[in-house]
Protein backbone atom coordinates (compact mmCIF):
# COMPACT_ATOMS: atom_id res chain seq x y z
CA UNK A 1 0.00 0.00 0.00
CA UNK A 2 1.43 3.36 -1.03
CA UNK A 3 0.87 6.02 1.60
CA UNK A 4 1.31 9.50 0.20
CA UNK A 5 -1.69 11.48 1.42
CA UNK A 6 -1.29 13.52 4.63
CA UNK A 7 -4.35 11.83 6.11
CA UNK A 8 -2.95 8.33 5.58
CA UNK A 9 -0.80 9.02 8.65
CA UNK A 10 -2.67 11.88 10.34
CA UNK A 11 -0.73 11.80 13.60
CA UNK A 12 2.65 12.13 11.90
CA UNK A 13 1.27 14.77 9.53
CA UNK A 14 -0.11 16.85 12.42
CA UNK A 15 2.98 16.59 14.62
CA UNK A 16 5.32 17.57 11.78
CA UNK A 17 3.25 20.59 10.74
CA UNK A 18 0.65 22.68 12.57
CA UNK A 19 0.91 20.86 15.90
CA UNK A 20 4.67 20.44 16.03
CA UNK A 21 4.71 22.58 19.20
CA UNK A 22 2.89 19.74 21.00
CA UNK A 23 5.27 17.01 19.80
CA UNK A 24 7.59 14.98 22.00
CA UNK A 25 10.32 12.88 20.40
CA UNK A 26 12.62 13.38 17.44
CA UNK A 27 12.92 12.74 13.72
CA UNK A 28 12.47 8.99 14.27
CA UNK A 29 9.16 9.08 16.18
CA UNK A 30 6.80 11.63 17.71
CA UNK A 31 3.90 11.68 20.14
CA UNK A 32 1.53 14.32 21.44
CA UNK A 33 2.21 15.67 24.90
CA UNK A 34 0.24 13.09 26.96
CA UNK A 35 -1.75 15.83 28.70
CA UNK A 36 -3.28 16.58 25.29
CA UNK A 37 -3.59 13.23 23.53
CA UNK A 38 -2.22 9.69 23.42
CA UNK A 39 -1.54 9.66 19.69
CA UNK A 40 1.91 8.82 18.34
CA UNK A 41 3.61 7.75 15.12
CA UNK A 42 6.96 6.52 13.88
CA UNK A 43 8.59 8.32 10.95
CA UNK A 44 8.63 5.10 8.94
CA UNK A 45 8.60 1.33 9.29
CA UNK A 46 12.33 0.95 9.97
CA UNK A 47 13.46 -0.87 13.13
CA UNK A 48 15.17 2.31 14.36
CA UNK A 49 11.98 4.38 14.08
CA UNK A 50 9.82 1.62 15.52
CA UNK A 51 12.10 1.29 18.55
CA UNK A 52 12.02 5.07 19.02
CA UNK A 53 8.23 4.94 19.00
CA UNK A 54 8.28 2.36 21.78
CA UNK A 55 10.57 4.57 23.85
CA UNK A 56 7.88 7.29 23.80
CA UNK A 57 5.39 5.00 25.56
CA UNK A 58 5.99 6.44 29.02
CA UNK A 59 2.47 7.51 30.01
CA UNK A 60 0.04 5.17 31.82
CA UNK A 61 -2.51 6.07 29.15
CA UNK A 62 -0.33 4.35 26.56
CA UNK A 63 0.04 5.22 22.90
CA UNK A 64 -2.62 5.49 20.20
CA UNK A 65 -1.65 4.67 16.61
CA UNK A 66 -3.84 5.84 13.72
CA UNK A 67 -2.62 4.38 10.44
CA UNK A 68 -4.06 3.64 7.01
CA UNK A 69 -1.36 1.07 6.27
CA UNK A 70 0.33 -1.74 8.14
CA UNK A 71 3.00 -0.28 10.39
CA UNK A 72 5.09 -2.54 12.66
CA UNK A 73 4.61 -2.27 16.40
CA UNK A 74 7.47 -1.46 18.77
CA UNK A 75 9.38 -4.46 20.12
CA UNK A 76 7.57 -5.97 23.09
CA UNK A 77 4.50 -3.76 22.66
CA UNK A 78 1.32 -4.94 24.38
CA UNK A 79 -1.86 -4.17 22.44
CA UNK A 80 -4.69 -3.01 24.68
CA UNK A 81 -7.18 -2.62 21.84
CA UNK A 82 -7.30 -2.51 18.06
CA UNK A 83 -10.26 -1.47 15.93
CA UNK A 84 -11.11 -1.04 12.28
CA UNK A 85 -12.22 2.52 11.56
CA UNK A 86 -13.14 4.64 8.60
CA UNK A 87 -11.69 8.04 7.89
CA UNK A 88 -14.19 10.50 6.45
CA UNK A 89 -13.60 13.88 4.81
CA UNK A 90 -15.80 16.82 3.89
CA UNK A 91 -14.95 19.50 1.34
CA UNK A 92 -18.44 21.00 1.66
CA UNK A 93 -21.55 20.66 3.80
CA UNK A 94 -24.94 19.39 2.73
CA UNK A 95 -27.73 21.90 3.09
CA UNK A 96 -30.40 21.88 5.78
CA UNK A 97 -30.06 20.42 9.24
CA UNK A 98 -31.18 21.52 12.65
CA UNK A 99 -29.67 24.50 14.43
CA UNK A 100 -29.29 24.81 18.21
CA UNK A 101 -28.23 27.55 20.60
CA UNK A 102 -24.58 27.00 21.47
CA UNK A 103 -21.69 28.84 23.06
CA UNK A 104 -17.89 28.74 22.82
CA UNK A 105 -16.12 26.62 25.40
CA UNK A 106 -12.83 27.51 27.04
CA UNK A 107 -10.70 27.13 30.14
CA UNK A 108 -13.59 27.90 32.47
CA UNK A 109 -15.39 24.86 31.02
CA UNK A 110 -12.42 22.49 31.07
CA UNK A 111 -13.54 20.43 34.07
CA UNK A 112 -17.06 19.98 32.68
CA UNK A 113 -15.71 19.07 29.25
CA UNK A 114 -13.46 16.40 30.71
CA UNK A 115 -16.32 15.06 32.86
CA UNK A 116 -18.68 14.86 29.88
CA UNK A 117 -16.08 13.14 27.72
CA UNK A 118 -15.22 10.71 30.53
CA UNK A 119 -18.90 9.83 30.87
CA UNK A 120 -19.68 9.42 27.18
CA UNK A 121 -16.26 8.31 25.80
CA UNK A 122 -16.29 9.99 22.36
CA UNK A 123 -12.58 9.18 22.13
CA UNK A 124 -9.45 9.77 24.19
CA UNK A 125 -9.90 13.01 26.12
CA UNK A 126 -7.46 14.32 28.69
CA UNK A 127 -6.77 17.34 30.86
CA UNK A 128 -5.66 19.57 27.98
CA UNK A 129 -7.45 17.99 25.01
CA UNK A 130 -9.80 20.97 24.88
CA UNK A 131 -6.80 23.15 23.93
CA UNK A 132 -6.21 21.29 20.65
CA UNK A 133 -8.75 23.46 18.85
CA UNK A 134 -11.99 25.39 19.11
CA UNK A 135 -14.84 23.73 21.01
CA UNK A 136 -18.50 24.69 21.25
CA UNK A 137 -21.23 23.30 23.46
CA UNK A 138 -24.85 23.29 24.51
CA UNK A 139 -25.75 23.99 28.12
CA UNK A 140 -28.97 23.27 29.99
CA UNK A 141 -29.59 25.06 33.28
CA UNK A 142 -25.95 26.15 33.22
CA UNK A 143 -24.62 22.59 32.82
CA UNK A 144 -22.72 21.36 29.76
CA UNK A 145 -24.77 18.65 28.04
CA UNK A 146 -23.24 18.42 24.55
CA UNK A 147 -20.07 19.51 22.77
CA UNK A 148 -17.98 19.19 19.62
CA UNK A 149 -14.58 20.51 18.65
CA UNK A 150 -11.28 20.05 16.85
CA UNK A 151 -8.32 17.72 17.43
CA UNK A 152 -5.58 16.77 14.95
CA UNK A 153 -4.49 19.43 12.46
CA UNK A 154 -2.36 18.27 9.54
CA UNK A 155 -1.55 21.01 7.04
CA UNK A 156 -4.76 21.88 5.17
CA UNK A 157 -7.00 19.72 7.34
CA UNK A 158 -8.67 19.80 10.75
CA UNK A 159 -10.24 16.84 12.53
CA UNK A 160 -13.73 17.12 14.00
CA UNK A 161 -13.68 15.35 17.36
CA UNK A 162 -14.91 15.30 20.93
CA UNK A 163 -18.52 15.04 19.75
CA UNK A 164 -20.68 13.86 22.63
CA UNK A 165 -24.02 14.35 24.36
CA UNK A 166 -25.02 13.56 27.93
CA UNK A 167 -27.27 10.45 27.98
CA UNK A 168 -30.13 12.47 29.50
CA UNK A 169 -30.13 14.86 26.55
CA UNK A 170 -29.77 12.58 23.54
CA UNK A 171 -32.25 12.44 20.70
CA UNK A 172 -32.45 16.23 20.34
CA UNK A 173 -30.06 16.63 17.42
CA UNK A 174 -27.29 18.32 19.40
CA UNK A 175 -24.44 16.24 17.98
CA UNK A 176 -25.31 16.83 14.35
CA UNK A 177 -26.00 20.53 14.87
CA UNK A 178 -22.72 21.15 16.70
CA UNK A 179 -20.76 19.13 14.15
CA UNK A 180 -22.27 21.23 11.37
CA UNK A 181 -21.04 24.43 13.02
CA UNK A 182 -17.54 23.06 13.71
CA UNK A 183 -17.24 21.72 10.16
CA UNK A 184 -18.48 24.94 8.58
CA UNK A 185 -15.89 26.96 10.48
CA UNK A 186 -13.13 24.62 9.29
CA UNK A 187 -14.27 24.95 5.69
CA UNK A 188 -14.48 28.72 5.96
CA UNK A 189 -10.78 28.75 6.90
CA UNK A 190 -10.01 27.12 3.56
CA UNK A 191 -9.34 23.69 5.06
CA UNK A 192 -11.00 20.30 4.67
CA UNK A 193 -12.68 18.67 7.64
CA UNK A 194 -12.05 15.04 8.51
CA UNK A 195 -13.03 12.62 11.25
CA UNK A 196 -12.76 9.00 12.29
CA UNK A 197 -15.53 6.53 13.13
CA UNK A 198 -15.56 2.88 14.07
CA UNK A 199 -16.30 0.90 10.91
CA UNK A 200 -18.94 -1.17 12.70
CA UNK A 201 -20.88 1.91 13.79
CA UNK A 202 -23.00 2.22 10.67
CA UNK A 203 -25.57 4.54 12.25
CA UNK A 204 -22.90 7.06 13.17
CA UNK A 205 -21.35 6.87 9.71
CA UNK A 206 -24.78 7.45 8.16
CA UNK A 207 -25.22 10.59 10.32
CA UNK A 208 -21.87 11.93 9.14
CA UNK A 209 -22.84 11.26 5.53
CA UNK A 210 -25.98 13.38 5.91
CA UNK A 211 -23.71 16.28 6.87
CA UNK A 212 -21.54 15.89 3.77
CA UNK A 213 -18.72 13.61 4.92
CA UNK A 214 -17.64 10.73 2.73
CA UNK A 215 -15.49 7.71 3.51
CA UNK A 216 -11.95 8.33 2.28
CA UNK A 217 -10.13 5.22 3.50
CA UNK A 218 -9.96 2.51 6.11
CA UNK A 219 -7.92 3.27 9.21
CA UNK A 220 -6.67 1.01 11.99
CA UNK A 221 -6.72 2.46 15.49
CA UNK A 222 -4.42 0.63 17.89
CA UNK A 223 -3.84 1.43 21.57
CA UNK A 224 -0.67 0.14 23.17
CA UNK A 225 -0.52 -0.28 26.92
CA UNK A 226 1.73 2.10 28.80
CA UNK A 227 3.83 1.36 31.88
CA UNK A 228 1.94 0.32 34.98
C-alpha atoms as a PDB file:
ATOM      1  CA  UNK A   1       0.000   0.000   0.000  1.00  0.00           C
ATOM      2  CA  UNK A   2       1.435   3.365  -1.034  1.00  0.00           C
ATOM      3  CA  UNK A   3       0.872   6.024   1.602  1.00  0.00           C
ATOM      4  CA  UNK A   4       1.314   9.501   0.200  1.00  0.00           C
ATOM      5  CA  UNK A   5      -1.688  11.480   1.417  1.00  0.00           C
ATOM      6  CA  UNK A   6      -1.286  13.518   4.633  1.00  0.00           C
ATOM      7  CA  UNK A   7      -4.351  11.829   6.109  1.00  0.00           C
ATOM      8  CA  UNK A   8      -2.951   8.325   5.577  1.00  0.00           C
ATOM      9  CA  UNK A   9      -0.801   9.021   8.646  1.00  0.00           C
ATOM     10  CA  UNK A  10      -2.672  11.884  10.340  1.00  0.00           C
ATOM     11  CA  UNK A  11      -0.727  11.800  13.600  1.00  0.00           C
ATOM     12  CA  UNK A  12       2.646  12.127  11.901  1.00  0.00           C
ATOM     13  CA  UNK A  13       1.267  14.766   9.531  1.00  0.00           C
ATOM     14  CA  UNK A  14      -0.106  16.851  12.417  1.00  0.00           C
ATOM     15  CA  UNK A  15       2.982  16.591  14.617  1.00  0.00           C
ATOM     16  CA  UNK A  16       5.319  17.568  11.781  1.00  0.00           C
ATOM     17  CA  UNK A  17       3.251  20.593  10.741  1.00  0.00           C
ATOM     18  CA  UNK A  18       0.653  22.682  12.567  1.00  0.00           C
ATOM     19  CA  UNK A  19       0.912  20.860  15.903  1.00  0.00           C
ATOM     20  CA  UNK A  20       4.674  20.442  16.028  1.00  0.00           C
ATOM     21  CA  UNK A  21       4.706  22.579  19.195  1.00  0.00           C
ATOM     22  CA  UNK A  22       2.893  19.744  21.002  1.00  0.00           C
ATOM     23  CA  UNK A  23       5.265  17.011  19.797  1.00  0.00           C
ATOM     24  CA  UNK A  24       7.588  14.978  21.996  1.00  0.00           C
ATOM     25  CA  UNK A  25      10.319  12.881  20.396  1.00  0.00           C
ATOM     26  CA  UNK A  26      12.620  13.382  17.445  1.00  0.00           C
ATOM     27  CA  UNK A  27      12.924  12.741  13.717  1.00  0.00           C
ATOM     28  CA  UNK A  28      12.466   8.990  14.271  1.00  0.00           C
ATOM     29  CA  UNK A  29       9.164   9.082  16.185  1.00  0.00           C
ATOM     30  CA  UNK A  30       6.801  11.631  17.708  1.00  0.00           C
ATOM     31  CA  UNK A  31       3.900  11.677  20.139  1.00  0.00           C
ATOM     32  CA  UNK A  32       1.528  14.315  21.438  1.00  0.00           C
ATOM     33  CA  UNK A  33       2.208  15.668  24.901  1.00  0.00           C
ATOM     34  CA  UNK A  34       0.239  13.091  26.962  1.00  0.00           C
ATOM     35  CA  UNK A  35      -1.755  15.829  28.705  1.00  0.00           C
ATOM     36  CA  UNK A  36      -3.282  16.583  25.287  1.00  0.00           C
ATOM     37  CA  UNK A  37      -3.589  13.227  23.527  1.00  0.00           C
ATOM     38  CA  UNK A  38      -2.222   9.688  23.421  1.00  0.00           C
ATOM     39  CA  UNK A  39      -1.541   9.662  19.687  1.00  0.00           C
ATOM     40  CA  UNK A  40       1.912   8.818  18.341  1.00  0.00           C
ATOM     41  CA  UNK A  41       3.608   7.746  15.123  1.00  0.00           C
ATOM     42  CA  UNK A  42       6.956   6.516  13.883  1.00  0.00           C
ATOM     43  CA  UNK A  43       8.591   8.320  10.954  1.00  0.00           C
ATOM     44  CA  UNK A  44       8.633   5.096   8.940  1.00  0.00           C
ATOM     45  CA  UNK A  45       8.600   1.325   9.292  1.00  0.00           C
ATOM     46  CA  UNK A  46      12.331   0.952   9.969  1.00  0.00           C
ATOM     47  CA  UNK A  47      13.457  -0.873  13.134  1.00  0.00           C
ATOM     48  CA  UNK A  48      15.166   2.307  14.360  1.00  0.00           C
ATOM     49  CA  UNK A  49      11.981   4.377  14.079  1.00  0.00           C
ATOM     50  CA  UNK A  50       9.819   1.620  15.523  1.00  0.00           C
ATOM     51  CA  UNK A  51      12.097   1.288  18.554  1.00  0.00           C
ATOM     52  CA  UNK A  52      12.024   5.072  19.025  1.00  0.00           C
ATOM     53  CA  UNK A  53       8.230   4.941  18.999  1.00  0.00           C
ATOM     54  CA  UNK A  54       8.283   2.363  21.776  1.00  0.00           C
ATOM     55  CA  UNK A  55      10.572   4.575  23.848  1.00  0.00           C
ATOM     56  CA  UNK A  56       7.883   7.289  23.804  1.00  0.00           C
ATOM     57  CA  UNK A  57       5.390   5.000  25.559  1.00  0.00           C
ATOM     58  CA  UNK A  58       5.991   6.442  29.017  1.00  0.00           C
ATOM     59  CA  UNK A  59       2.465   7.509  30.011  1.00  0.00           C
ATOM     60  CA  UNK A  60       0.043   5.172  31.825  1.00  0.00           C
ATOM     61  CA  UNK A  61      -2.511   6.072  29.150  1.00  0.00           C
ATOM     62  CA  UNK A  62      -0.325   4.352  26.563  1.00  0.00           C
ATOM     63  CA  UNK A  63       0.044   5.220  22.899  1.00  0.00           C
ATOM     64  CA  UNK A  64      -2.617   5.487  20.204  1.00  0.00           C
ATOM     65  CA  UNK A  65      -1.653   4.667  16.611  1.00  0.00           C
ATOM     66  CA  UNK A  66      -3.844   5.842  13.717  1.00  0.00           C
ATOM     67  CA  UNK A  67      -2.623   4.377  10.437  1.00  0.00           C
ATOM     68  CA  UNK A  68      -4.061   3.642   7.006  1.00  0.00           C
ATOM     69  CA  UNK A  69      -1.361   1.065   6.271  1.00  0.00           C
ATOM     70  CA  UNK A  70       0.332  -1.741   8.140  1.00  0.00           C
ATOM     71  CA  UNK A  71       2.999  -0.279  10.395  1.00  0.00           C
ATOM     72  CA  UNK A  72       5.089  -2.539  12.662  1.00  0.00           C
ATOM     73  CA  UNK A  73       4.611  -2.271  16.398  1.00  0.00           C
ATOM     74  CA  UNK A  74       7.466  -1.460  18.769  1.00  0.00           C
ATOM     75  CA  UNK A  75       9.377  -4.460  20.122  1.00  0.00           C
ATOM     76  CA  UNK A  76       7.573  -5.972  23.088  1.00  0.00           C
ATOM     77  CA  UNK A  77       4.497  -3.756  22.657  1.00  0.00           C
ATOM     78  CA  UNK A  78       1.317  -4.941  24.378  1.00  0.00           C
ATOM     79  CA  UNK A  79      -1.859  -4.171  22.439  1.00  0.00           C
ATOM     80  CA  UNK A  80      -4.687  -3.009  24.679  1.00  0.00           C
ATOM     81  CA  UNK A  81      -7.176  -2.619  21.842  1.00  0.00           C
ATOM     82  CA  UNK A  82      -7.304  -2.515  18.063  1.00  0.00           C
ATOM     83  CA  UNK A  83     -10.259  -1.468  15.928  1.00  0.00           C
ATOM     84  CA  UNK A  84     -11.113  -1.038  12.280  1.00  0.00           C
ATOM     85  CA  UNK A  85     -12.220   2.520  11.560  1.00  0.00           C
ATOM     86  CA  UNK A  86     -13.142   4.643   8.596  1.00  0.00           C
ATOM     87  CA  UNK A  87     -11.693   8.043   7.890  1.00  0.00           C
ATOM     88  CA  UNK A  88     -14.194  10.501   6.449  1.00  0.00           C
ATOM     89  CA  UNK A  89     -13.604  13.884   4.813  1.00  0.00           C
ATOM     90  CA  UNK A  90     -15.805  16.820   3.894  1.00  0.00           C
ATOM     91  CA  UNK A  91     -14.952  19.498   1.345  1.00  0.00           C
ATOM     92  CA  UNK A  92     -18.438  21.002   1.660  1.00  0.00           C
ATOM     93  CA  UNK A  93     -21.550  20.658   3.801  1.00  0.00           C
ATOM     94  CA  UNK A  94     -24.944  19.388   2.731  1.00  0.00           C
ATOM     95  CA  UNK A  95     -27.729  21.901   3.087  1.00  0.00           C
ATOM     96  CA  UNK A  96     -30.401  21.878   5.783  1.00  0.00           C
ATOM     97  CA  UNK A  97     -30.059  20.415   9.242  1.00  0.00           C
ATOM     98  CA  UNK A  98     -31.183  21.515  12.652  1.00  0.00           C
ATOM     99  CA  UNK A  99     -29.673  24.503  14.432  1.00  0.00           C
ATOM    100  CA  UNK A 100     -29.291  24.812  18.207  1.00  0.00           C
ATOM    101  CA  UNK A 101     -28.226  27.549  20.595  1.00  0.00           C
ATOM    102  CA  UNK A 102     -24.581  26.995  21.473  1.00  0.00           C
ATOM    103  CA  UNK A 103     -21.687  28.841  23.060  1.00  0.00           C
ATOM    104  CA  UNK A 104     -17.892  28.744  22.818  1.00  0.00           C
ATOM    105  CA  UNK A 105     -16.117  26.618  25.403  1.00  0.00           C
ATOM    106  CA  UNK A 106     -12.826  27.509  27.043  1.00  0.00           C
ATOM    107  CA  UNK A 107     -10.696  27.131  30.138  1.00  0.00           C
ATOM    108  CA  UNK A 108     -13.587  27.898  32.472  1.00  0.00           C
ATOM    109  CA  UNK A 109     -15.394  24.861  31.018  1.00  0.00           C
ATOM    110  CA  UNK A 110     -12.421  22.492  31.068  1.00  0.00           C
ATOM    111  CA  UNK A 111     -13.535  20.425  34.066  1.00  0.00           C
ATOM    112  CA  UNK A 112     -17.063  19.982  32.682  1.00  0.00           C
ATOM    113  CA  UNK A 113     -15.707  19.069  29.246  1.00  0.00           C
ATOM    114  CA  UNK A 114     -13.463  16.403  30.714  1.00  0.00           C
ATOM    115  CA  UNK A 115     -16.317  15.057  32.862  1.00  0.00           C
ATOM    116  CA  UNK A 116     -18.684  14.857  29.883  1.00  0.00           C
ATOM    117  CA  UNK A 117     -16.075  13.137  27.721  1.00  0.00           C
ATOM    118  CA  UNK A 118     -15.221  10.711  30.532  1.00  0.00           C
ATOM    119  CA  UNK A 119     -18.902   9.825  30.874  1.00  0.00           C
ATOM    120  CA  UNK A 120     -19.679   9.417  27.181  1.00  0.00           C
ATOM    121  CA  UNK A 121     -16.258   8.313  25.802  1.00  0.00           C
ATOM    122  CA  UNK A 122     -16.285   9.994  22.356  1.00  0.00           C
ATOM    123  CA  UNK A 123     -12.581   9.175  22.129  1.00  0.00           C
ATOM    124  CA  UNK A 124      -9.450   9.768  24.189  1.00  0.00           C
ATOM    125  CA  UNK A 125      -9.899  13.012  26.119  1.00  0.00           C
ATOM    126  CA  UNK A 126      -7.461  14.317  28.694  1.00  0.00           C
ATOM    127  CA  UNK A 127      -6.774  17.345  30.860  1.00  0.00           C
ATOM    128  CA  UNK A 128      -5.661  19.568  27.979  1.00  0.00           C
ATOM    129  CA  UNK A 129      -7.455  17.992  25.011  1.00  0.00           C
ATOM    130  CA  UNK A 130      -9.799  20.966  24.879  1.00  0.00           C
ATOM    131  CA  UNK A 131      -6.805  23.148  23.926  1.00  0.00           C
ATOM    132  CA  UNK A 132      -6.210  21.290  20.653  1.00  0.00           C
ATOM    133  CA  UNK A 133      -8.754  23.460  18.847  1.00  0.00           C
ATOM    134  CA  UNK A 134     -11.991  25.390  19.114  1.00  0.00           C
ATOM    135  CA  UNK A 135     -14.843  23.728  21.008  1.00  0.00           C
ATOM    136  CA  UNK A 136     -18.501  24.695  21.246  1.00  0.00           C
ATOM    137  CA  UNK A 137     -21.232  23.303  23.459  1.00  0.00           C
ATOM    138  CA  UNK A 138     -24.852  23.287  24.515  1.00  0.00           C
ATOM    139  CA  UNK A 139     -25.753  23.995  28.119  1.00  0.00           C
ATOM    140  CA  UNK A 140     -28.969  23.267  29.992  1.00  0.00           C
ATOM    141  CA  UNK A 141     -29.587  25.060  33.285  1.00  0.00           C
ATOM    142  CA  UNK A 142     -25.950  26.145  33.216  1.00  0.00           C
ATOM    143  CA  UNK A 143     -24.622  22.591  32.821  1.00  0.00           C
ATOM    144  CA  UNK A 144     -22.722  21.360  29.759  1.00  0.00           C
ATOM    145  CA  UNK A 145     -24.773  18.654  28.036  1.00  0.00           C
ATOM    146  CA  UNK A 146     -23.243  18.422  24.545  1.00  0.00           C
ATOM    147  CA  UNK A 147     -20.073  19.509  22.772  1.00  0.00           C
ATOM    148  CA  UNK A 148     -17.977  19.187  19.624  1.00  0.00           C
ATOM    149  CA  UNK A 149     -14.583  20.506  18.647  1.00  0.00           C
ATOM    150  CA  UNK A 150     -11.284  20.052  16.852  1.00  0.00           C
ATOM    151  CA  UNK A 151      -8.325  17.723  17.428  1.00  0.00           C
ATOM    152  CA  UNK A 152      -5.585  16.766  14.950  1.00  0.00           C
ATOM    153  CA  UNK A 153      -4.490  19.427  12.463  1.00  0.00           C
ATOM    154  CA  UNK A 154      -2.360  18.267   9.541  1.00  0.00           C
ATOM    155  CA  UNK A 155      -1.552  21.014   7.037  1.00  0.00           C
ATOM    156  CA  UNK A 156      -4.755  21.880   5.170  1.00  0.00           C
ATOM    157  CA  UNK A 157      -6.996  19.715   7.339  1.00  0.00           C
ATOM    158  CA  UNK A 158      -8.670  19.802  10.755  1.00  0.00           C
ATOM    159  CA  UNK A 159     -10.245  16.837  12.528  1.00  0.00           C
ATOM    160  CA  UNK A 160     -13.725  17.116  13.999  1.00  0.00           C
ATOM    161  CA  UNK A 161     -13.675  15.354  17.359  1.00  0.00           C
ATOM    162  CA  UNK A 162     -14.911  15.304  20.933  1.00  0.00           C
ATOM    163  CA  UNK A 163     -18.519  15.043  19.747  1.00  0.00           C
ATOM    164  CA  UNK A 164     -20.683  13.857  22.628  1.00  0.00           C
ATOM    165  CA  UNK A 165     -24.018  14.353  24.362  1.00  0.00           C
ATOM    166  CA  UNK A 166     -25.016  13.557  27.930  1.00  0.00           C
ATOM    167  CA  UNK A 167     -27.272  10.447  27.983  1.00  0.00           C
ATOM    168  CA  UNK A 168     -30.127  12.468  29.499  1.00  0.00           C
ATOM    169  CA  UNK A 169     -30.131  14.861  26.546  1.00  0.00           C
ATOM    170  CA  UNK A 170     -29.765  12.577  23.544  1.00  0.00           C
ATOM    171  CA  UNK A 171     -32.249  12.445  20.697  1.00  0.00           C
ATOM    172  CA  UNK A 172     -32.447  16.232  20.342  1.00  0.00           C
ATOM    173  CA  UNK A 173     -30.057  16.630  17.425  1.00  0.00           C
ATOM    174  CA  UNK A 174     -27.294  18.317  19.405  1.00  0.00           C
ATOM    175  CA  UNK A 175     -24.437  16.235  17.980  1.00  0.00           C
ATOM    176  CA  UNK A 176     -25.306  16.830  14.345  1.00  0.00           C
ATOM    177  CA  UNK A 177     -25.999  20.529  14.870  1.00  0.00           C
ATOM    178  CA  UNK A 178     -22.724  21.150  16.702  1.00  0.00           C
ATOM    179  CA  UNK A 179     -20.761  19.129  14.147  1.00  0.00           C
ATOM    180  CA  UNK A 180     -22.265  21.225  11.371  1.00  0.00           C
ATOM    181  CA  UNK A 181     -21.037  24.432  13.019  1.00  0.00           C
ATOM    182  CA  UNK A 182     -17.544  23.063  13.713  1.00  0.00           C
ATOM    183  CA  UNK A 183     -17.238  21.721  10.165  1.00  0.00           C
ATOM    184  CA  UNK A 184     -18.479  24.943   8.584  1.00  0.00           C
ATOM    185  CA  UNK A 185     -15.885  26.958  10.480  1.00  0.00           C
ATOM    186  CA  UNK A 186     -13.129  24.623   9.286  1.00  0.00           C
ATOM    187  CA  UNK A 187     -14.273  24.953   5.686  1.00  0.00           C
ATOM    188  CA  UNK A 188     -14.477  28.725   5.965  1.00  0.00           C
ATOM    189  CA  UNK A 189     -10.782  28.755   6.902  1.00  0.00           C
ATOM    190  CA  UNK A 190     -10.013  27.121   3.561  1.00  0.00           C
ATOM    191  CA  UNK A 191      -9.335  23.688   5.064  1.00  0.00           C
ATOM    192  CA  UNK A 192     -11.000  20.304   4.669  1.00  0.00           C
ATOM    193  CA  UNK A 193     -12.676  18.672   7.640  1.00  0.00           C
ATOM    194  CA  UNK A 194     -12.046  15.040   8.509  1.00  0.00           C
ATOM    195  CA  UNK A 195     -13.026  12.621  11.248  1.00  0.00           C
ATOM    196  CA  UNK A 196     -12.759   9.003  12.291  1.00  0.00           C
ATOM    197  CA  UNK A 197     -15.530   6.535  13.130  1.00  0.00           C
ATOM    198  CA  UNK A 198     -15.564   2.876  14.074  1.00  0.00           C
ATOM    199  CA  UNK A 199     -16.299   0.896  10.913  1.00  0.00           C
ATOM    200  CA  UNK A 200     -18.941  -1.170  12.697  1.00  0.00           C
ATOM    201  CA  UNK A 201     -20.879   1.908  13.789  1.00  0.00           C
ATOM    202  CA  UNK A 202     -22.995   2.219  10.671  1.00  0.00           C
ATOM    203  CA  UNK A 203     -25.572   4.536  12.247  1.00  0.00           C
ATOM    204  CA  UNK A 204     -22.896   7.063  13.169  1.00  0.00           C
ATOM    205  CA  UNK A 205     -21.352   6.866   9.707  1.00  0.00           C
ATOM    206  CA  UNK A 206     -24.776   7.451   8.163  1.00  0.00           C
ATOM    207  CA  UNK A 207     -25.217  10.588  10.321  1.00  0.00           C
ATOM    208  CA  UNK A 208     -21.871  11.934   9.140  1.00  0.00           C
ATOM    209  CA  UNK A 209     -22.844  11.259   5.534  1.00  0.00           C
ATOM    210  CA  UNK A 210     -25.980  13.377   5.908  1.00  0.00           C
ATOM    211  CA  UNK A 211     -23.711  16.282   6.865  1.00  0.00           C
ATOM    212  CA  UNK A 212     -21.540  15.891   3.769  1.00  0.00           C
ATOM    213  CA  UNK A 213     -18.724  13.611   4.924  1.00  0.00           C
ATOM    214  CA  UNK A 214     -17.644  10.734   2.726  1.00  0.00           C
ATOM    215  CA  UNK A 215     -15.489   7.714   3.506  1.00  0.00           C
ATOM    216  CA  UNK A 216     -11.954   8.331   2.276  1.00  0.00           C
ATOM    217  CA  UNK A 217     -10.135   5.222   3.497  1.00  0.00           C
ATOM    218  CA  UNK A 218      -9.961   2.513   6.111  1.00  0.00           C
ATOM    219  CA  UNK A 219      -7.924   3.266   9.210  1.00  0.00           C
ATOM    220  CA  UNK A 220      -6.669   1.008  11.988  1.00  0.00           C
ATOM    221  CA  UNK A 221      -6.721   2.465  15.492  1.00  0.00           C
ATOM    222  CA  UNK A 222      -4.421   0.635  17.892  1.00  0.00           C
ATOM    223  CA  UNK A 223      -3.844   1.426  21.567  1.00  0.00           C
ATOM    224  CA  UNK A 224      -0.668   0.141  23.173  1.00  0.00           C
ATOM    225  CA  UNK A 225      -0.521  -0.279  26.925  1.00  0.00           C
ATOM    226  CA  UNK A 226       1.734   2.100  28.796  1.00  0.00           C
ATOM    227  CA  UNK A 227       3.833   1.357  31.876  1.00  0.00           C
ATOM    228  CA  UNK A 228       1.941   0.324  34.978  1.00  0.00           C
END
